[in-house]
Amino acid sequence: MLAGGTSTESSELGSGTVQADQRKAVSTMGIFDKAKEFVAEHDDEVEKAIDKVADVVEDKVPEKNKAKVTEVAEKAKGFVDKLDSTPKTTKPA
C-alpha cells in the first residue's frame, strides 16, 4: 500500500511538472507575441534605436569591423520590417 501511495504521489508530482511547463510555454509565447506586436506598432522607433546602437558600436570598433556593424544593423532593420509586414486583422469595409 505504501508503494502504491508513493506511485500516486510521483505521478501527481510529474503531472504538476508538466502543467508548470505548459504554463511556462504559454507565458513565453505571450511574451514573444507582445514583443512582435510592440515592434509592429513602433517599427520606426525600433529602427531608429538600431541605428543609434550601430553608431555607438561603430565608434568603438576598429575601422575594419565597421562595415560588419552596418551589415548587422541593416539585417536587424530588415527583420523589423518583416515583422511589421505580417498580416494584421482588419475589419471589412
C-alpha atoms as a PDB file:
ATOM      1  CA  MET A   1       0.000   0.000   0.000  1.00  0.00           C
ATOM      2  CA  LEU A   2       2.860   2.329   0.759  1.00  0.00           C
ATOM      3  CA  ALA A   3       4.375   1.714  -2.654  1.00  0.00           C
ATOM      4  CA  GLY A   4       1.019   2.491  -4.295  1.00  0.00           C
ATOM      5  CA  GLY A   5       0.793   5.762  -2.404  1.00  0.00           C
ATOM      6  CA  THR A   6       4.298   6.661  -3.458  1.00  0.00           C
ATOM      7  CA  SER A   7       3.434   5.852  -7.061  1.00  0.00           C
ATOM      8  CA  THR A   8       0.400   8.133  -6.959  1.00  0.00           C
ATOM      9  CA  GLU A   9       2.410  10.922  -5.400  1.00  0.00           C
ATOM     10  CA  SER A  10       5.064  10.574  -8.098  1.00  0.00           C
ATOM     11  CA  SER A  11       2.535  10.765 -10.896  1.00  0.00           C
ATOM     12  CA  GLU A  12       0.897  13.761  -9.271  1.00  0.00           C
ATOM     13  CA  LEU A  13       4.268  15.451  -8.986  1.00  0.00           C
ATOM     14  CA  GLY A  14       5.044  14.561 -12.589  1.00  0.00           C
ATOM     15  CA  SER A  15       1.666  15.882 -13.665  1.00  0.00           C
ATOM     16  CA  GLY A  16       2.298  19.135 -11.812  1.00  0.00           C
ATOM     17  CA  THR A  17       5.633  19.489 -13.537  1.00  0.00           C
ATOM     18  CA  VAL A  18       4.014  19.049 -16.943  1.00  0.00           C
ATOM     19  CA  GLN A  19       1.359  21.622 -16.093  1.00  0.00           C
ATOM     20  CA  ALA A  20       4.026  24.064 -14.899  1.00  0.00           C
ATOM     21  CA  ASP A  21       5.986  23.518 -18.120  1.00  0.00           C
ATOM     22  CA  GLN A  22       2.840  24.117 -20.179  1.00  0.00           C
ATOM     23  CA  ARG A  23       2.090  27.344 -18.308  1.00  0.00           C
ATOM     24  CA  LYS A  24       5.688  28.441 -18.826  1.00  0.00           C
ATOM     25  CA  ALA A  25       5.450  27.719 -22.575  1.00  0.00           C
ATOM     26  CA  VAL A  26       2.187  29.665 -22.880  1.00  0.00           C
ATOM     27  CA  SER A  27       3.679  32.519 -20.888  1.00  0.00           C
ATOM     28  CA  THR A  28       6.781  32.560 -23.087  1.00  0.00           C
ATOM     29  CA  MET A  29       4.717  32.636 -26.257  1.00  0.00           C
ATOM     30  CA  GLY A  30       2.751  35.514 -24.800  1.00  0.00           C
ATOM     31  CA  ILE A  31       5.975  37.432 -24.312  1.00  0.00           C
ATOM     32  CA  PHE A  32       7.038  36.823 -27.917  1.00  0.00           C
ATOM     33  CA  ASP A  33       3.621  37.826 -29.194  1.00  0.00           C
ATOM     34  CA  LYS A  34       3.748  41.030 -27.172  1.00  0.00           C
ATOM     35  CA  ALA A  35       7.251  41.793 -28.452  1.00  0.00           C
ATOM     36  CA  LYS A  36       6.151  41.232 -32.056  1.00  0.00           C
ATOM     37  CA  GLU A  37       3.124  43.444 -31.511  1.00  0.00           C
ATOM     38  CA  PHE A  38       5.279  46.193 -29.988  1.00  0.00           C
ATOM     39  CA  VAL A  39       7.767  46.064 -32.860  1.00  0.00           C
ATOM     40  CA  ALA A  40       4.958  46.144 -35.410  1.00  0.00           C
ATOM     41  CA  GLU A  41       3.376  49.179 -33.756  1.00  0.00           C
ATOM     42  CA  HIS A  42       6.638  51.064 -33.169  1.00  0.00           C
ATOM     43  CA  ASP A  43       8.776  49.978 -36.103  1.00  0.00           C
ATOM     44  CA  ASP A  44      10.112  53.474 -36.819  1.00  0.00           C
ATOM     45  CA  GLU A  45      11.293  53.926 -33.235  1.00  0.00           C
ATOM     46  CA  VAL A  46      12.847  50.458 -33.162  1.00  0.00           C
ATOM     47  CA  GLU A  47      14.738  51.144 -36.391  1.00  0.00           C
ATOM     48  CA  LYS A  48      15.986  54.479 -35.008  1.00  0.00           C
ATOM     49  CA  ALA A  49      17.199  52.650 -31.894  1.00  0.00           C
ATOM     50  CA  ILE A  50      19.027  50.113 -34.059  1.00  0.00           C
ATOM     51  CA  ASP A  51      20.735  52.970 -35.924  1.00  0.00           C
ATOM     52  CA  LYS A  52      21.762  54.651 -32.654  1.00  0.00           C
ATOM     53  CA  VAL A  53      23.220  51.440 -31.279  1.00  0.00           C
ATOM     54  CA  ALA A  54      25.061  50.823 -34.554  1.00  0.00           C
ATOM     55  CA  ASP A  55      26.531  54.348 -34.405  1.00  0.00           C
ATOM     56  CA  VAL A  56      27.783  53.810 -30.855  1.00  0.00           C
ATOM     57  CA  VAL A  57      29.290  50.432 -31.735  1.00  0.00           C
ATOM     58  CA  GLU A  58      30.915  51.811 -34.897  1.00  0.00           C
ATOM     59  CA  ASP A  59      32.617  54.492 -32.782  1.00  0.00           C
ATOM     60  CA  LYS A  60      34.131  51.785 -30.578  1.00  0.00           C
ATOM     61  CA  VAL A  61      35.248  49.144 -33.089  1.00  0.00           C
ATOM     62  CA  PRO A  62      38.286  49.160 -35.361  1.00  0.00           C
ATOM     63  CA  GLU A  63      37.784  50.534 -38.870  1.00  0.00           C
ATOM     64  CA  LYS A  64      37.903  47.061 -40.413  1.00  0.00           C
ATOM     65  CA  ASN A  65      34.784  45.996 -38.436  1.00  0.00           C
ATOM     66  CA  LYS A  66      32.572  48.995 -39.132  1.00  0.00           C
ATOM     67  CA  ALA A  67      31.157  47.509 -42.337  1.00  0.00           C
ATOM     68  CA  LYS A  68      30.084  44.415 -40.403  1.00  0.00           C
ATOM     69  CA  VAL A  69      28.276  46.572 -37.817  1.00  0.00           C
ATOM     70  CA  THR A  70      26.415  48.333 -40.622  1.00  0.00           C
ATOM     71  CA  GLU A  71      25.540  44.984 -42.204  1.00  0.00           C
ATOM     72  CA  VAL A  72      24.173  43.610 -38.947  1.00  0.00           C
ATOM     73  CA  ALA A  73      22.149  46.782 -38.321  1.00  0.00           C
ATOM     74  CA  GLU A  74      20.605  46.538 -41.801  1.00  0.00           C
ATOM     75  CA  LYS A  75      19.696  42.888 -41.204  1.00  0.00           C
ATOM     76  CA  ALA A  76      18.100  43.818 -37.878  1.00  0.00           C
ATOM     77  CA  LYS A  77      16.058  46.546 -39.560  1.00  0.00           C
ATOM     78  CA  GLY A  78      15.050  44.055 -42.256  1.00  0.00           C
ATOM     79  CA  PHE A  79      13.791  41.751 -39.523  1.00  0.00           C
ATOM     80  CA  VAL A  80      11.775  44.627 -38.058  1.00  0.00           C
ATOM     81  CA  ASP A  81      10.295  45.327 -41.489  1.00  0.00           C
ATOM     82  CA  LYS A  82       9.422  41.648 -41.854  1.00  0.00           C
ATOM     83  CA  LEU A  83       7.603  41.682 -38.513  1.00  0.00           C
ATOM     84  CA  ASP A  84       5.794  44.845 -39.487  1.00  0.00           C
ATOM     85  CA  SER A  85       4.624  43.343 -42.771  1.00  0.00           C
ATOM     86  CA  THR A  86       2.894  40.387 -41.139  1.00  0.00           C
ATOM     87  CA  PRO A  87      -0.811  40.399 -41.975  1.00  0.00           C
ATOM     88  CA  LYS A  88      -2.921  42.224 -39.457  1.00  0.00           C
ATOM     89  CA  THR A  89      -6.567  41.594 -38.853  1.00  0.00           C
ATOM     90  CA  THR A  90      -8.664  44.349 -40.367  1.00  0.00           C
ATOM     91  CA  LYS A  91     -12.342  44.996 -40.288  1.00  0.00           C
ATOM     92  CA  PRO A  92     -14.125  44.609 -43.617  1.00  0.00           C
ATOM     93  CA  ALA A  93     -15.258  47.897 -45.160  1.00  0.00           C
END
